[in-house]
Protein backbone atom coordinates (compact mmCIF):
# COMPACT_ATOMS: atom_id res chain seq x y z
CA UNK A 1 -8.40 10.19 72.42
CA UNK A 2 -5.64 8.32 74.68
CA UNK A 3 -3.31 7.64 71.59
CA UNK A 4 -3.47 11.32 70.47
CA UNK A 5 -2.29 12.44 73.64
CA UNK A 6 0.18 10.38 74.00
CA UNK A 7 1.46 11.59 70.32
CA UNK A 8 1.24 14.90 71.39
CA UNK A 9 3.51 14.25 74.82
CA UNK A 10 6.20 12.67 72.65
CA UNK A 11 6.11 15.39 69.27
CA UNK A 12 9.06 17.70 69.57
CA UNK A 13 7.29 21.29 69.77
CA UNK A 14 7.90 24.37 67.96
CA UNK A 15 8.31 26.19 71.38
CA UNK A 16 11.83 26.69 73.13
CA UNK A 17 11.46 25.73 77.02
CA UNK A 18 13.08 28.16 79.35
CA UNK A 19 13.63 27.97 82.80
CA UNK A 20 13.20 30.94 85.12
CA UNK A 21 14.04 30.71 89.03
CA UNK A 22 12.24 32.58 91.40
CA UNK A 23 14.13 33.81 94.04
CA UNK A 24 13.80 32.29 97.48
CA UNK A 25 11.25 29.38 95.90
CA UNK A 26 11.57 27.40 93.19
CA UNK A 27 12.46 26.85 89.49
CA UNK A 28 9.71 26.85 86.60
CA UNK A 29 10.01 25.80 83.04
CA UNK A 30 7.85 28.12 80.63
CA UNK A 31 7.70 28.72 76.77
CA UNK A 32 6.89 31.80 75.50
CA UNK A 33 4.85 32.99 72.30
CA UNK A 34 4.38 36.38 70.11
CA UNK A 35 5.63 39.68 70.68
CA UNK A 36 8.23 40.27 73.78
CA UNK A 37 6.90 43.39 74.40
CA UNK A 38 2.87 42.70 73.85
CA UNK A 39 0.24 42.48 76.16
CA UNK A 40 1.34 39.40 78.79
CA UNK A 41 -1.48 36.71 79.14
CA UNK A 42 -0.05 33.70 81.66
CA UNK A 43 -1.73 30.58 80.59
CA UNK A 44 -2.02 27.69 83.81
CA UNK A 45 -2.26 24.43 83.68
CA UNK A 46 -4.33 21.56 85.33
CA UNK A 47 -2.88 19.37 87.84
CA UNK A 48 -0.76 16.29 86.70
CA UNK A 49 -0.28 18.61 83.49
CA UNK A 50 2.33 21.09 82.38
CA UNK A 51 2.95 23.99 79.81
CA UNK A 52 2.18 21.55 76.85
CA UNK A 53 -1.32 21.39 77.30
CA UNK A 54 -1.37 24.52 76.15
CA UNK A 55 1.15 24.06 73.16
CA UNK A 56 -1.30 23.66 70.45
CA UNK A 57 -3.42 26.96 70.82
CA UNK A 58 -0.36 29.43 71.69
CA UNK A 59 0.58 29.64 68.02
CA UNK A 60 -2.75 30.71 66.98
CA UNK A 61 -3.05 33.73 69.17
CA UNK A 62 -2.83 37.33 67.99
CA UNK A 63 0.75 38.66 67.87
CA UNK A 64 -0.09 41.75 70.05
CA UNK A 65 -0.35 39.05 73.12
CA UNK A 66 2.65 38.05 75.04
CA UNK A 67 2.21 34.48 75.62
CA UNK A 68 3.46 32.61 78.41
CA UNK A 69 2.66 29.28 80.07
CA UNK A 70 5.06 27.92 82.84
CA UNK A 71 4.84 24.22 84.25
CA UNK A 72 3.87 24.83 87.77
CA UNK A 73 5.99 23.49 90.44
CA UNK A 74 6.02 19.92 90.97
CA UNK A 75 4.66 19.63 86.73
CA UNK A 76 6.70 19.02 83.68
CA UNK A 77 10.21 19.86 84.05
CA UNK A 78 9.89 22.05 86.95
CA UNK A 79 11.57 21.73 89.77
CA UNK A 80 9.80 19.51 92.97
CA UNK A 81 10.02 21.43 95.97
CA UNK A 82 8.69 19.86 99.28
CA UNK A 83 5.60 22.32 99.70
CA UNK A 84 2.81 22.11 97.29
CA UNK A 85 -0.06 23.92 99.32
CA UNK A 86 -2.43 26.05 97.32
CA UNK A 87 -0.90 29.41 98.63
CA UNK A 88 2.56 28.16 96.90
CA UNK A 89 1.17 27.76 93.89
CA UNK A 90 -0.05 31.10 93.85
CA UNK A 91 2.64 32.80 95.34
CA UNK A 92 4.99 31.16 92.71
CA UNK A 93 2.63 33.05 89.80
CA UNK A 94 3.37 36.11 91.59
CA UNK A 95 6.86 35.92 91.52
CA UNK A 96 7.08 34.71 88.29
CA UNK A 97 5.40 37.90 86.96
CA UNK A 98 7.68 39.49 89.01
CA UNK A 99 10.95 37.96 87.63
CA UNK A 100 9.69 38.47 84.23
CA UNK A 101 9.12 42.20 85.16
CA UNK A 102 5.07 42.20 84.38
CA UNK A 103 3.48 44.88 85.52
CA UNK A 104 0.13 43.32 85.16
CA UNK A 105 -1.22 39.93 83.27
CA UNK A 106 -4.00 37.99 82.58
CA UNK A 107 -4.22 34.66 83.86
CA UNK A 108 -5.87 32.03 81.58
CA UNK A 109 -7.05 29.17 83.96
CA UNK A 110 -7.95 25.70 83.26
CA UNK A 111 -11.69 25.06 83.31
CA UNK A 112 -11.18 22.55 86.11
CA UNK A 113 -9.89 24.74 88.89
CA UNK A 114 -10.98 28.67 87.98
CA UNK A 115 -12.89 29.57 91.06
CA UNK A 116 -10.61 27.62 93.56
CA UNK A 117 -7.23 29.03 91.89
CA UNK A 118 -8.49 32.45 91.51
CA UNK A 119 -10.02 32.17 95.14
CA UNK A 120 -6.21 31.39 96.52
CA UNK A 121 -4.76 33.93 94.48
CA UNK A 122 -6.79 36.37 95.83
CA UNK A 123 -6.28 35.61 99.22
CA UNK A 124 -2.72 34.76 98.94
CA UNK A 125 -1.51 38.02 96.91
CA UNK A 126 -4.46 40.54 97.84
CA UNK A 127 -4.90 43.73 95.78
CA UNK A 128 -3.47 46.33 98.30
CA UNK A 129 -0.44 44.47 97.77
CA UNK A 130 0.04 43.44 94.28
CA UNK A 131 -1.22 46.22 91.97
CA UNK A 132 -1.29 43.13 89.10
CA UNK A 133 -4.46 41.87 90.93
CA UNK A 134 -7.68 43.48 89.80
CA UNK A 135 -10.68 43.73 87.91
């Protein structure tokens, strides 16, 4: 299994990494797959990973999805700022959506952190402040 992971991490990707500077925050590397006018779905990764953890699934998604997979702060080729609080990660995702002009989006979380991250995201970006947060 480790050999497979090493091969995947060193293999060239068919996805073209992009960067976005989040105003007043940090720079995140991300990839995008699908229709740029499609339904936005943001795929997050777990601790110590990057957008590459979603690399194998993105090409298989339906064409009506605009799939976005950022490498969160301090991961992959994204910047490594001084702060790494859970609130910083949550606010980065809200700023990522703003910077890309996403009115609403679905978050897909890795199975190891969904409850914790969802609680922090909802706490940091309450629904009355951000209309993207909701059922």
